[in-house]
Amino acid sequence: MPLSPSQGASATRAPLVSIAIAAYNSAHLIGRTLDSLLRQSVSDFEIIISDDASSDATREVCERYTAADPRVRYSRNERRLGLGGNCSRVLSMTRGELVVLAGHDDLYEPNFLERLLAEMRRFPSLSLAACRVDLIDHDDVVVRDMSHQYFGGKPLSRLRNANRMLWRGYGNLMTGMYRRELMMRTLLYRPILGDEWDEIDLLFLFEMALQGGVVSIPDVLLHKRMGGVSSRIPYRTFSRALSIYAAVGRGYRARIRRSALPGWHRAILSASLAFRWTFANWEWKKYLTYTLLVTIDPKRRVRRHLRHLLEERALREAGRSTRSKAGSRES
């Protein structure tokens, strides 16, 4: 479906910043997101919404905003593309020099664009600038402060950027600001296997790190909503999870091979990937163990027994700790 015709002057001139939103069944929250984006201190931007064939009132909510502000554009997919496909589509529709992929249910501080834009201008070699985020619930109450950040305030070489992203990739960096020219050299959010969304954000960020510098500023400028699709762990058999794990590894290898880095840099990254995929990557190994347990224990008997044993162990340790403290007081 074509973009909404209610675009005014924004259709004749490319904006400085394009804000892309991949929306799906977000009628109850997307209005809050759009309100926070339209209050930005920087005004030279467009908002492009790609609705992935939502079954709720997302279309009606978005069309009210396109009618009220010519900077907002809306498009609806005729059929569902899935998370990766919809993100890739909306990113490819952007026109600005700089791009932000906004969550359809997140909230943004008024100076979000201004602060990240300043970093992109300060370091012309950057491919990505991001900020810290916190997590909010359905009522916009902060429930967790994401204090850790793995990238500093000054860019590193592309080799060091990519290796750090490989080992310490942090998905919330995807909510930062991208340089569109470099972004369009990547595979965007191409799914790794069917419509599986695992690590497509980290693969995209890894490829952005291969393109240029990455910085993260310490200010909390984005409030990320809990409960999105990527926060839910789907049911999978062990063989399916193992296939996805292998596909993710192939995805990293493919992005290393197609990068413009010197051959010896690509060799270093390939060796680093092989080491991590074989001897580290504990998040995936724990998940594979979980899927194996689910596959061999569908009625949860083993898991209930293990839980009982762990609870008994915790109680024994708590009892020993209490007795130790009591003995210390008596002495």
C-alpha atoms as a PDB file:
ATOM      1  CA  MET A   1       0.000   0.000   0.000  1.00  0.00           C
ATOM      2  CA  PRO A   2       1.377   3.462  -0.859  1.00  0.00           C
ATOM      3  CA  LEU A   3       2.226   6.027   1.745  1.00  0.00           C
ATOM      4  CA  SER A   4      -0.468   8.347   3.012  1.00  0.00           C
ATOM      5  CA  PRO A   5      -0.893  11.379   0.696  1.00  0.00           C
ATOM      6  CA  SER A   6      -1.101  13.721   3.685  1.00  0.00           C
ATOM      7  CA  GLN A   7       2.575  14.702   3.605  1.00  0.00           C
ATOM      8  CA  GLY A   8       2.669  18.410   2.732  1.00  0.00           C
ATOM      9  CA  ALA A   9       6.072  19.952   2.096  1.00  0.00           C
ATOM     10  CA  SER A  10       7.892  16.920   3.545  1.00  0.00           C
ATOM     11  CA  ALA A  11       7.335  15.069   0.243  1.00  0.00           C
ATOM     12  CA  THR A  12       9.410  17.598  -1.733  1.00  0.00           C
ATOM     13  CA  ARG A  13      12.553  17.706   0.426  1.00  0.00           C
ATOM     14  CA  ALA A  14      14.422  14.992   2.236  1.00  0.00           C
ATOM     15  CA  PRO A  15      14.511  15.639   5.995  1.00  0.00           C
ATOM     16  CA  LEU A  16      17.649  15.584   8.112  1.00  0.00           C
ATOM     17  CA  VAL A  17      16.400  12.648  10.223  1.00  0.00           C
ATOM     18  CA  SER A  18      14.043   9.817   9.334  1.00  0.00           C
ATOM     19  CA  ILE A  19      12.332   8.060  12.237  1.00  0.00           C
ATOM     20  CA  ALA A  20      11.231   4.574  11.191  1.00  0.00           C
ATOM     21  CA  ILE A  21       8.597   2.658  13.148  1.00  0.00           C
ATOM     22  CA  ALA A  22       7.840  -1.019  12.476  1.00  0.00           C
ATOM     23  CA  ALA A  23       4.372  -1.316  14.014  1.00  0.00           C
ATOM     24  CA  TYR A  24       2.160  -4.294  14.731  1.00  0.00           C
ATOM     25  CA  ASN A  25      -1.017  -4.348  16.841  1.00  0.00           C
ATOM     26  CA  SER A  26       0.068  -1.280  18.796  1.00  0.00           C
ATOM     27  CA  ALA A  27      -3.085   0.845  18.749  1.00  0.00           C
ATOM     28  CA  HIS A  28      -3.134   1.130  22.537  1.00  0.00           C
ATOM     29  CA  LEU A  29       0.428   2.515  22.805  1.00  0.00           C
ATOM     30  CA  ILE A  30       1.673   3.940  19.508  1.00  0.00           C
ATOM     31  CA  GLY A  31      -0.067   7.263  20.159  1.00  0.00           C
ATOM     32  CA  ARG A  32       2.108   7.842  23.232  1.00  0.00           C
ATOM     33  CA  THR A  33       5.210   7.054  21.178  1.00  0.00           C
ATOM     34  CA  LEU A  34       4.235   9.463  18.415  1.00  0.00           C
ATOM     35  CA  ASP A  35       3.446  12.209  20.926  1.00  0.00           C
ATOM     36  CA  SER A  36       6.908  11.899  22.476  1.00  0.00           C
ATOM     37  CA  LEU A  37       8.581  11.958  19.045  1.00  0.00           C
ATOM     38  CA  LEU A  38       6.621  14.961  17.817  1.00  0.00           C
ATOM     39  CA  ARG A  39       7.783  16.911  20.898  1.00  0.00           C
ATOM     40  CA  GLN A  40      11.450  16.648  19.876  1.00  0.00           C
ATOM     41  CA  SER A  41      13.561  19.818  20.132  1.00  0.00           C
ATOM     42  CA  VAL A  42      14.807  19.101  16.580  1.00  0.00           C
ATOM     43  CA  SER A  43      12.003  19.608  14.060  1.00  0.00           C
ATOM     44  CA  ASP A  44      13.642  18.607  10.756  1.00  0.00           C
ATOM     45  CA  PHE A  45      12.497  14.990  10.679  1.00  0.00           C
ATOM     46  CA  GLU A  46       9.943  12.643   9.212  1.00  0.00           C
ATOM     47  CA  ILE A  47       8.200   9.702  10.869  1.00  0.00           C
ATOM     48  CA  ILE A  48       7.526   6.676   8.685  1.00  0.00           C
ATOM     49  CA  ILE A  49       5.245   3.964  10.066  1.00  0.00           C
ATOM     50  CA  SER A  50       5.126   0.541   8.435  1.00  0.00           C
ATOM     51  CA  ASP A  51       2.113  -1.353   9.775  1.00  0.00           C
ATOM     52  CA  ASP A  52       2.623  -5.100   9.469  1.00  0.00           C
ATOM     53  CA  ALA A  53      -1.029  -5.892   8.667  1.00  0.00           C
ATOM     54  CA  SER A  54      -2.243  -5.203  12.207  1.00  0.00           C
ATOM     55  CA  SER A  55      -5.593  -6.656  13.233  1.00  0.00           C
ATOM     56  CA  ASP A  56      -6.406  -3.917  15.765  1.00  0.00           C
ATOM     57  CA  ALA A  57      -6.975  -0.162  15.352  1.00  0.00           C
ATOM     58  CA  THR A  58      -3.328   0.724  14.634  1.00  0.00           C
ATOM     59  CA  ARG A  59      -4.278   2.053  11.201  1.00  0.00           C
ATOM     60  CA  GLU A  60      -6.959   4.385  12.524  1.00  0.00           C
ATOM     61  CA  VAL A  61      -4.654   5.792  15.220  1.00  0.00           C
ATOM     62  CA  CYS A  62      -1.824   6.403  12.763  1.00  0.00           C
ATOM     63  CA  GLU A  63      -4.052   8.035  10.172  1.00  0.00           C
ATOM     64  CA  ARG A  64      -5.192  10.569  12.750  1.00  0.00           C
ATOM     65  CA  TYR A  65      -1.550  11.592  13.160  1.00  0.00           C
ATOM     66  CA  THR A  66      -0.873  11.758   9.406  1.00  0.00           C
ATOM     67  CA  ALA A  67      -3.870  14.074   9.061  1.00  0.00           C
ATOM     68  CA  ALA A  68      -2.627  16.327  11.884  1.00  0.00           C
ATOM     69  CA  ASP A  69       1.106  16.544  10.997  1.00  0.00           C
ATOM     70  CA  PRO A  70       2.598  16.324   7.468  1.00  0.00           C
ATOM     71  CA  ARG A  71       5.845  14.902   8.889  1.00  0.00           C
ATOM     72  CA  VAL A  72       4.078  11.619   9.730  1.00  0.00           C
ATOM     73  CA  ARG A  73       3.695   9.057   6.941  1.00  0.00           C
ATOM     74  CA  TYR A  74       1.871   5.743   7.161  1.00  0.00           C
ATOM     75  CA  SER A  75       2.050   2.570   5.097  1.00  0.00           C
ATOM     76  CA  ARG A  76       0.373  -0.784   5.623  1.00  0.00           C
ATOM     77  CA  ASN A  77       1.689  -4.130   4.442  1.00  0.00           C
ATOM     78  CA  GLU A  78      -0.821  -6.188   2.483  1.00  0.00           C
ATOM     79  CA  ARG A  79       0.439  -9.309   4.268  1.00  0.00           C
ATOM     80  CA  ARG A  80       2.543  -9.906   7.346  1.00  0.00           C
ATOM     81  CA  LEU A  81       6.277  -9.677   6.793  1.00  0.00           C
ATOM     82  CA  GLY A  82       7.309 -10.530  10.350  1.00  0.00           C
ATOM     83  CA  LEU A  83       9.522  -8.479  12.629  1.00  0.00           C
ATOM     84  CA  GLY A  84      12.691  -8.677  10.534  1.00  0.00           C
ATOM     85  CA  GLY A  85      10.940  -8.114   7.220  1.00  0.00           C
ATOM     86  CA  ASN A  86       8.942  -5.148   8.494  1.00  0.00           C
ATOM     87  CA  CYS A  87      12.018  -3.500  10.057  1.00  0.00           C
ATOM     88  CA  SER A  88      13.931  -3.905   6.795  1.00  0.00           C
ATOM     89  CA  ARG A  89      11.040  -2.480   4.788  1.00  0.00           C
ATOM     90  CA  VAL A  90      10.566   0.626   6.904  1.00  0.00           C
ATOM     91  CA  LEU A  91      14.316   1.318   7.034  1.00  0.00           C
ATOM     92  CA  SER A  92      14.520   1.096   3.244  1.00  0.00           C
ATOM     93  CA  MET A  93      11.720   3.694   2.996  1.00  0.00           C
ATOM     94  CA  THR A  94      13.683   6.358   4.871  1.00  0.00           C
ATOM     95  CA  ARG A  95      15.064   9.460   3.098  1.00  0.00           C
ATOM     96  CA  GLY A  96      16.994  11.351   5.756  1.00  0.00           C
ATOM     97  CA  GLU A  97      20.745  11.575   6.151  1.00  0.00           C
ATOM     98  CA  LEU A  98      20.310  10.028   9.598  1.00  0.00           C
ATOM     99  CA  VAL A  99      17.884   7.318  10.704  1.00  0.00           C
ATOM    100  CA  VAL A 100      16.333   6.184  13.971  1.00  0.00           C
ATOM    101  CA  LEU A 101      14.476   2.869  14.306  1.00  0.00           C
ATOM    102  CA  ALA A 102      11.912   3.689  16.995  1.00  0.00           C
ATOM    103  CA  GLY A 103       9.941   1.149  18.974  1.00  0.00           C
ATOM    104  CA  HIS A 104       6.193   1.360  18.427  1.00  0.00           C
ATOM    105  CA  ASP A 105       5.577   1.477  22.179  1.00  0.00           C
ATOM    106  CA  ASP A 106       8.637   3.307  23.574  1.00  0.00           C
ATOM    107  CA  LEU A 107       8.868   6.870  24.920  1.00  0.00           C
ATOM    108  CA  TYR A 108      11.524   9.456  24.036  1.00  0.00           C
ATOM    109  CA  GLU A 109      12.875  12.454  25.897  1.00  0.00           C
ATOM    110  CA  PRO A 110      12.447  15.786  24.018  1.00  0.00           C
ATOM    111  CA  ASN A 111      16.213  16.102  23.447  1.00  0.00           C
ATOM    112  CA  PHE A 112      16.714  12.523  22.193  1.00  0.00           C
ATOM    113  CA  LEU A 113      17.319  13.531  18.567  1.00  0.00           C
ATOM    114  CA  GLU A 114      19.267  16.652  19.511  1.00  0.00           C
ATOM    115  CA  ARG A 115      21.800  14.802  21.672  1.00  0.00           C
ATOM    116  CA  LEU A 116      22.409  11.959  19.222  1.00  0.00           C
ATOM    117  CA  LEU A 117      22.578  14.355  16.291  1.00  0.00           C
ATOM    118  CA  ALA A 118      25.314  16.284  18.114  1.00  0.00           C
ATOM    119  CA  GLU A 119      27.366  13.069  18.426  1.00  0.00           C
ATOM    120  CA  MET A 120      26.936  12.227  14.746  1.00  0.00           C
ATOM    121  CA  ARG A 121      28.147  15.708  13.811  1.00  0.00           C
ATOM    122  CA  ARG A 122      31.000  15.572  16.303  1.00  0.00           C
ATOM    123  CA  PHE A 123      32.347  12.315  14.830  1.00  0.00           C
ATOM    124  CA  PRO A 124      31.738  12.158  11.036  1.00  0.00           C
ATOM    125  CA  SER A 125      33.105   8.594  10.963  1.00  0.00           C
ATOM    126  CA  LEU A 126      30.289   7.259  13.156  1.00  0.00           C
ATOM    127  CA  SER A 127      27.852   4.718  11.810  1.00  0.00           C
ATOM    128  CA  LEU A 128      25.841   4.627  15.062  1.00  0.00           C
ATOM    129  CA  ALA A 129      25.290   6.769  18.150  1.00  0.00           C
ATOM    130  CA  ALA A 130      23.131   5.551  21.013  1.00  0.00           C
ATOM    131  CA  CYS A 131      22.103   6.487  24.545  1.00  0.00           C
ATOM    132  CA  ARG A 132      21.298   4.616  27.732  1.00  0.00           C
ATOM    133  CA  VAL A 133      17.760   3.394  28.221  1.00  0.00           C
ATOM    134  CA  ASP A 134      15.572   2.355  31.101  1.00  0.00           C
ATOM    135  CA  LEU A 135      12.612  -0.023  31.121  1.00  0.00           C
ATOM    136  CA  ILE A 136       9.023   1.073  31.728  1.00  0.00           C
ATOM    137  CA  ASP A 137       5.821  -0.867  32.310  1.00  0.00           C
ATOM    138  CA  HIS A 138       2.412  -0.431  30.695  1.00  0.00           C
ATOM    139  CA  ASP A 139       1.727   2.615  32.890  1.00  0.00           C
ATOM    140  CA  ASP A 140       5.007   4.353  31.910  1.00  0.00           C
ATOM    141  CA  VAL A 141       6.538   3.664  35.344  1.00  0.00           C
ATOM    142  CA  VAL A 142      10.288   2.989  35.331  1.00  0.00           C
ATOM    143  CA  VAL A 143      10.910  -0.539  36.593  1.00  0.00           C
ATOM    144  CA  ARG A 144      14.575  -1.006  35.730  1.00  0.00           C
ATOM    145  CA  ASP A 145      17.561   1.172  34.917  1.00  0.00           C
ATOM    146  CA  MET A 146      19.794  -0.397  32.284  1.00  0.00           C
ATOM    147  CA  SER A 147      23.005   0.888  33.818  1.00  0.00           C
ATOM    148  CA  HIS A 148      25.545  -1.067  31.770  1.00  0.00           C
ATOM    149  CA  GLN A 149      26.895   0.127  28.434  1.00  0.00           C
ATOM    150  CA  TYR A 150      29.635  -1.510  26.438  1.00  0.00           C
ATOM    151  CA  PHE A 151      30.609   1.350  24.138  1.00  0.00           C
ATOM    152  CA  GLY A 152      32.197   4.584  25.291  1.00  0.00           C
ATOM    153  CA  GLY A 153      31.971   8.192  24.197  1.00  0.00           C
ATOM    154  CA  LYS A 154      34.741   7.979  21.583  1.00  0.00           C
ATOM    155  CA  PRO A 155      34.765   5.745  18.490  1.00  0.00           C
ATOM    156  CA  LEU A 156      37.236   2.894  18.057  1.00  0.00           C
ATOM    157  CA  SER A 157      38.585   1.333  14.874  1.00  0.00           C
ATOM    158  CA  ARG A 158      36.145  -0.739  12.832  1.00  0.00           C
ATOM    159  CA  LEU A 159      37.972  -3.934  13.785  1.00  0.00           C
ATOM    160  CA  ARG A 160      37.732  -3.193  17.512  1.00  0.00           C
ATOM    161  CA  ASN A 161      34.150  -1.974  17.124  1.00  0.00           C
ATOM    162  CA  ALA A 162      33.076  -5.156  15.380  1.00  0.00           C
ATOM    163  CA  ASN A 163      34.882  -7.470  17.798  1.00  0.00           C
ATOM    164  CA  ARG A 164      33.362  -5.688  20.786  1.00  0.00           C
ATOM    165  CA  MET A 165      29.918  -5.915  19.204  1.00  0.00           C
ATOM    166  CA  LEU A 166      30.513  -9.619  18.525  1.00  0.00           C
ATOM    167  CA  TRP A 167      31.364 -10.346  22.155  1.00  0.00           C
ATOM    168  CA  ARG A 168      29.366  -7.721  23.995  1.00  0.00           C
ATOM    169  CA  GLY A 169      26.631  -6.759  21.570  1.00  0.00           C
ATOM    170  CA  TYR A 170      23.801  -4.988  23.321  1.00  0.00           C
ATOM    171  CA  GLY A 171      20.437  -5.058  21.547  1.00  0.00           C
ATOM    172  CA  ASN A 172      19.280  -1.694  22.849  1.00  0.00           C
ATOM    173  CA  LEU A 173      21.950  -0.027  20.707  1.00  0.00           C
ATOM    174  CA  MET A 174      19.509  -0.637  17.844  1.00  0.00           C
ATOM    175  CA  THR A 175      17.405   2.217  19.249  1.00  0.00           C
ATOM    176  CA  GLY A 176      20.157   4.723  18.456  1.00  0.00           C
ATOM    177  CA  MET A 177      20.794   6.903  15.400  1.00  0.00           C
ATOM    178  CA  TYR A 178      22.289   5.463  12.193  1.00  0.00           C
ATOM    179  CA  ARG A 179      24.041   7.127   9.264  1.00  0.00           C
ATOM    180  CA  ARG A 180      21.789   6.120   6.385  1.00  0.00           C
ATOM    181  CA  GLU A 181      24.527   5.884   3.744  1.00  0.00           C
ATOM    182  CA  LEU A 182      26.307   3.259   5.845  1.00  0.00           C
ATOM    183  CA  MET A 183      23.084   1.582   6.977  1.00  0.00           C
ATOM    184  CA  MET A 184      22.051   0.856   3.393  1.00  0.00           C
ATOM    185  CA  ARG A 185      25.286  -1.090   2.836  1.00  0.00           C
ATOM    186  CA  THR A 186      24.113  -3.688   5.369  1.00  0.00           C
ATOM    187  CA  LEU A 187      21.645  -6.563   5.048  1.00  0.00           C
ATOM    188  CA  LEU A 188      19.340  -4.616   7.404  1.00  0.00           C
ATOM    189  CA  TYR A 189      17.139  -6.940   9.489  1.00  0.00           C
ATOM    190  CA  ARG A 190      17.194  -9.901   7.131  1.00  0.00           C
ATOM    191  CA  PRO A 191      15.768 -12.941   8.975  1.00  0.00           C
ATOM    192  CA  ILE A 192      18.262 -15.716   9.585  1.00  0.00           C
ATOM    193  CA  LEU A 193      15.869 -18.671   9.303  1.00  0.00           C
ATOM    194  CA  GLY A 194      12.243 -18.289   8.285  1.00  0.00           C
ATOM    195  CA  ASP A 195      10.670 -15.605  10.465  1.00  0.00           C
ATOM    196  CA  GLU A 196      12.885 -16.284  13.485  1.00  0.00           C
ATOM    197  CA  TRP A 197      13.901 -12.980  15.101  1.00  0.00           C
ATOM    198  CA  ASP A 198      16.757 -14.275  17.264  1.00  0.00           C
ATOM    199  CA  GLU A 199      19.806 -11.996  17.083  1.00  0.00           C
ATOM    200  CA  ILE A 200      18.698 -10.156  13.928  1.00  0.00           C
ATOM    201  CA  ASP A 201      19.177  -6.934  15.896  1.00  0.00           C
ATOM    202  CA  LEU A 202      22.677  -7.983  16.999  1.00  0.00           C
ATOM    203  CA  LEU A 203      23.589  -9.061  13.472  1.00  0.00           C
ATOM    204  CA  PHE A 204      22.483  -5.666  12.172  1.00  0.00           C
ATOM    205  CA  LEU A 205      24.465  -3.869  14.891  1.00  0.00           C
ATOM    206  CA  PHE A 206      27.508  -6.028  14.150  1.00  0.00           C
ATOM    207  CA  GLU A 207      27.329  -5.025  10.498  1.00  0.00           C
ATOM    208  CA  MET A 208      26.916  -1.352  11.436  1.00  0.00           C
ATOM    209  CA  ALA A 209      30.073  -1.664  13.551  1.00  0.00           C
ATOM    210  CA  LEU A 210      31.834  -3.032  10.457  1.00  0.00           C
ATOM    211  CA  GLN A 211      30.842   0.163   8.621  1.00  0.00           C
ATOM    212  CA  GLY A 212      32.056   2.812  11.084  1.00  0.00           C
ATOM    213  CA  GLY A 213      32.400   4.024  14.645  1.00  0.00           C
ATOM    214  CA  VAL A 214      29.943   3.367  17.484  1.00  0.00           C
ATOM    215  CA  VAL A 215      29.480   5.566  20.559  1.00  0.00           C
ATOM    216  CA  SER A 216      27.075   5.524  23.479  1.00  0.00           C
ATOM    217  CA  ILE A 217      26.344   8.511  25.691  1.00  0.00           C
ATOM    218  CA  PRO A 218      25.504   7.983  29.388  1.00  0.00           C
ATOM    219  CA  ASP A 219      22.237   9.971  29.459  1.00  0.00           C
ATOM    220  CA  VAL A 220      18.898   8.134  29.666  1.00  0.00           C
ATOM    221  CA  LEU A 221      16.951   9.587  26.736  1.00  0.00           C
ATOM    222  CA  LEU A 222      14.782   6.595  25.868  1.00  0.00           C
ATOM    223  CA  HIS A 223      12.265   4.655  27.941  1.00  0.00           C
ATOM    224  CA  LYS A 224      11.837   1.182  26.492  1.00  0.00           C
ATOM    225  CA  ARG A 225       8.599  -0.679  27.054  1.00  0.00           C
ATOM    226  CA  MET A 226       8.777  -4.128  28.616  1.00  0.00           C
ATOM    227  CA  GLY A 227       6.882  -7.019  27.077  1.00  0.00           C
ATOM    228  CA  GLY A 228       7.766  -6.666  23.387  1.00  0.00           C
ATOM    229  CA  VAL A 229       8.010  -9.628  21.033  1.00  0.00           C
ATOM    230  CA  SER A 230      11.779  -9.910  21.492  1.00  0.00           C
ATOM    231  CA  SER A 231      11.366 -10.248  25.271  1.00  0.00           C
ATOM    232  CA  ARG A 232       9.280 -13.407  24.971  1.00  0.00           C
ATOM    233  CA  ILE A 233      10.975 -16.797  24.671  1.00  0.00           C
ATOM    234  CA  PRO A 234       9.086 -18.946  22.143  1.00  0.00           C
ATOM    235  CA  TYR A 235       8.645 -22.675  22.488  1.00  0.00           C
ATOM    236  CA  ARG A 236      11.083 -24.581  20.292  1.00  0.00           C
ATOM    237  CA  THR A 237      12.333 -28.111  20.033  1.00  0.00           C
ATOM    238  CA  PHE A 238      16.016 -28.717  20.618  1.00  0.00           C
ATOM    239  CA  SER A 239      16.633 -29.467  16.922  1.00  0.00           C
ATOM    240  CA  ARG A 240      14.957 -26.192  15.899  1.00  0.00           C
ATOM    241  CA  ALA A 241      16.943 -24.182  18.436  1.00  0.00           C
ATOM    242  CA  LEU A 242      20.157 -25.862  17.268  1.00  0.00           C
ATOM    243  CA  SER A 243      19.317 -24.996  13.651  1.00  0.00           C
ATOM    244  CA  ILE A 244      18.794 -21.346  14.616  1.00  0.00           C
ATOM    245  CA  TYR A 245      22.071 -21.297  16.547  1.00  0.00           C
ATOM    246  CA  ALA A 246      23.900 -22.579  13.481  1.00  0.00           C
ATOM    247  CA  ALA A 247      22.082 -20.077  11.233  1.00  0.00           C
ATOM    248  CA  VAL A 248      23.104 -17.179  13.487  1.00  0.00           C
ATOM    249  CA  GLY A 249      26.742 -18.268  13.275  1.00  0.00           C
ATOM    250  CA  ARG A 250      26.482 -18.423   9.476  1.00  0.00           C
ATOM    251  CA  GLY A 251      24.938 -14.949   9.537  1.00  0.00           C
ATOM    252  CA  TYR A 252      27.945 -13.505  11.357  1.00  0.00           C
ATOM    253  CA  ARG A 253      30.353 -15.257   8.980  1.00  0.00           C
ATOM    254  CA  ALA A 254      28.483 -13.909   5.940  1.00  0.00           C
ATOM    255  CA  ARG A 255      28.681 -10.348   7.257  1.00  0.00           C
ATOM    256  CA  ILE A 256      32.394 -10.662   7.942  1.00  0.00           C
ATOM    257  CA  ARG A 257      33.035 -11.968   4.418  1.00  0.00           C
ATOM    258  CA  ARG A 258      31.063  -9.164   2.725  1.00  0.00           C
ATOM    259  CA  SER A 259      32.648  -6.384   4.779  1.00  0.00           C
ATOM    260  CA  ALA A 260      35.155  -3.916   3.308  1.00  0.00           C
ATOM    261  CA  LEU A 261      37.726  -4.609   6.030  1.00  0.00           C
ATOM    262  CA  PRO A 262      41.232  -5.739   5.012  1.00  0.00           C
ATOM    263  CA  GLY A 263      41.627  -9.486   4.646  1.00  0.00           C
ATOM    264  CA  TRP A 264      43.659  -9.916   7.823  1.00  0.00           C
ATOM    265  CA  HIS A 265      41.014  -8.008   9.810  1.00  0.00           C
ATOM    266  CA  ARG A 266      38.363 -10.359   8.468  1.00  0.00           C
ATOM    267  CA  ALA A 267      40.569 -13.311   9.454  1.00  0.00           C
ATOM    268  CA  ILE A 268      40.867 -11.988  13.021  1.00  0.00           C
ATOM    269  CA  LEU A 269      37.097 -11.543  13.298  1.00  0.00           C
ATOM    270  CA  SER A 270      36.465 -15.009  11.854  1.00  0.00           C
ATOM    271  CA  ALA A 271      38.794 -16.548  14.448  1.00  0.00           C
ATOM    272  CA  SER A 272      37.135 -14.549  17.228  1.00  0.00           C
ATOM    273  CA  LEU A 273      33.711 -15.718  16.042  1.00  0.00           C
ATOM    274  CA  ALA A 274      34.828 -19.367  15.933  1.00  0.00           C
ATOM    275  CA  PHE A 275      36.210 -19.154  19.471  1.00  0.00           C
ATOM    276  CA  ARG A 276      33.077 -17.485  20.848  1.00  0.00           C
ATOM    277  CA  TRP A 277      30.682 -19.846  19.098  1.00  0.00           C
ATOM    278  CA  THR A 278      32.625 -22.896  20.322  1.00  0.00           C
ATOM    279  CA  PHE A 279      33.745 -21.996  23.836  1.00  0.00           C
ATOM    280  CA  ALA A 280      31.606 -19.049  24.989  1.00  0.00           C
ATOM    281  CA  ASN A 281      28.194 -17.598  24.060  1.00  0.00           C
ATOM    282  CA  TRP A 282      26.705 -18.916  27.285  1.00  0.00           C
ATOM    283  CA  GLU A 283      23.309 -17.289  26.772  1.00  0.00           C
ATOM    284  CA  TRP A 284      22.705 -19.477  23.746  1.00  0.00           C
ATOM    285  CA  LYS A 285      24.177 -22.562  25.405  1.00  0.00           C
ATOM    286  CA  LYS A 286      21.835 -22.127  28.373  1.00  0.00           C
ATOM    287  CA  TYR A 287      18.917 -21.739  25.974  1.00  0.00           C
ATOM    288  CA  LEU A 288      19.918 -24.875  24.068  1.00  0.00           C
ATOM    289  CA  THR A 289      20.110 -26.776  27.357  1.00  0.00           C
ATOM    290  CA  TYR A 290      16.642 -25.519  28.250  1.00  0.00           C
ATOM    291  CA  THR A 291      15.147 -26.610  24.903  1.00  0.00           C
ATOM    292  CA  LEU A 292      16.790 -30.028  25.265  1.00  0.00           C
ATOM    293  CA  LEU A 293      15.249 -30.398  28.713  1.00  0.00           C
ATOM    294  CA  VAL A 294      11.825 -29.331  27.403  1.00  0.00           C
ATOM    295  CA  THR A 295      12.114 -31.823  24.544  1.00  0.00           C
ATOM    296  CA  ILE A 296      12.987 -34.818  26.735  1.00  0.00           C
ATOM    297  CA  ASP A 297      10.730 -33.788  29.644  1.00  0.00           C
ATOM    298  CA  PRO A 298       7.466 -32.469  28.124  1.00  0.00           C
ATOM    299  CA  LYS A 299       5.478 -33.230  31.312  1.00  0.00           C
ATOM    300  CA  ARG A 300       7.941 -31.230  33.454  1.00  0.00           C
ATOM    301  CA  ARG A 301       8.635 -34.130  35.852  1.00  0.00           C
ATOM    302  CA  VAL A 302      12.422 -33.764  35.744  1.00  0.00           C
ATOM    303  CA  ARG A 303      12.172 -29.972  35.952  1.00  0.00           C
ATOM    304  CA  ARG A 304       9.891 -30.159  39.008  1.00  0.00           C
ATOM    305  CA  HIS A 305      12.319 -32.575  40.683  1.00  0.00           C
ATOM    306  CA  LEU A 306      15.289 -30.309  39.901  1.00  0.00           C
ATOM    307  CA  ARG A 307      13.400 -27.314  41.227  1.00  0.00           C
ATOM    308  CA  HIS A 308      12.606 -29.197  44.446  1.00  0.00           C
ATOM    309  CA  LEU A 309      16.276 -30.114  44.892  1.00  0.00           C
ATOM    310  CA  LEU A 310      17.389 -26.527  44.282  1.00  0.00           C
ATOM    311  CA  GLU A 311      14.834 -25.185  46.772  1.00  0.00           C
ATOM    312  CA  GLU A 312      15.994 -27.688  49.423  1.00  0.00           C
ATOM    313  CA  ARG A 313      19.598 -26.676  48.830  1.00  0.00           C
ATOM    314  CA  ALA A 314      18.722 -22.996  49.180  1.00  0.00           C
ATOM    315  CA  LEU A 315      16.912 -23.695  52.463  1.00  0.00           C
ATOM    316  CA  ARG A 316      19.872 -25.652  53.835  1.00  0.00           C
ATOM    317  CA  GLU A 317      22.284 -22.858  52.936  1.00  0.00           C
ATOM    318  CA  ALA A 318      19.965 -20.285  54.508  1.00  0.00           C
ATOM    319  CA  GLY A 319      19.825 -22.405  57.690  1.00  0.00           C
ATOM    320  CA  ARG A 320      23.607 -22.692  57.878  1.00  0.00           C
ATOM    321  CA  SER A 321      23.936 -18.950  57.400  1.00  0.00           C
ATOM    322  CA  THR A 322      21.438 -18.278  60.220  1.00  0.00           C
ATOM    323  CA  ARG A 323      23.220 -20.641  62.617  1.00  0.00           C
ATOM    324  CA  SER A 324      26.590 -19.081  61.763  1.00  0.00           C
ATOM    325  CA  LYS A 325      25.292 -15.605  62.536  1.00  0.00           C
ATOM    326  CA  ALA A 326      23.734 -16.780  65.811  1.00  0.00           C
ATOM    327  CA  GLY A 327      27.050 -18.379  66.863  1.00  0.00           C
ATOM    328  CA  SER A 328      28.913 -15.171  66.079  1.00  0.00           C
ATOM    329  CA  ARG A 329      26.557 -13.131  68.296  1.00  0.00           C
ATOM    330  CA  GLU A 330      26.915 -15.586  71.206  1.00  0.00           C
ATOM    331  CA  SER A 331      30.702 -15.473  71.082  1.00  0.00           C
END
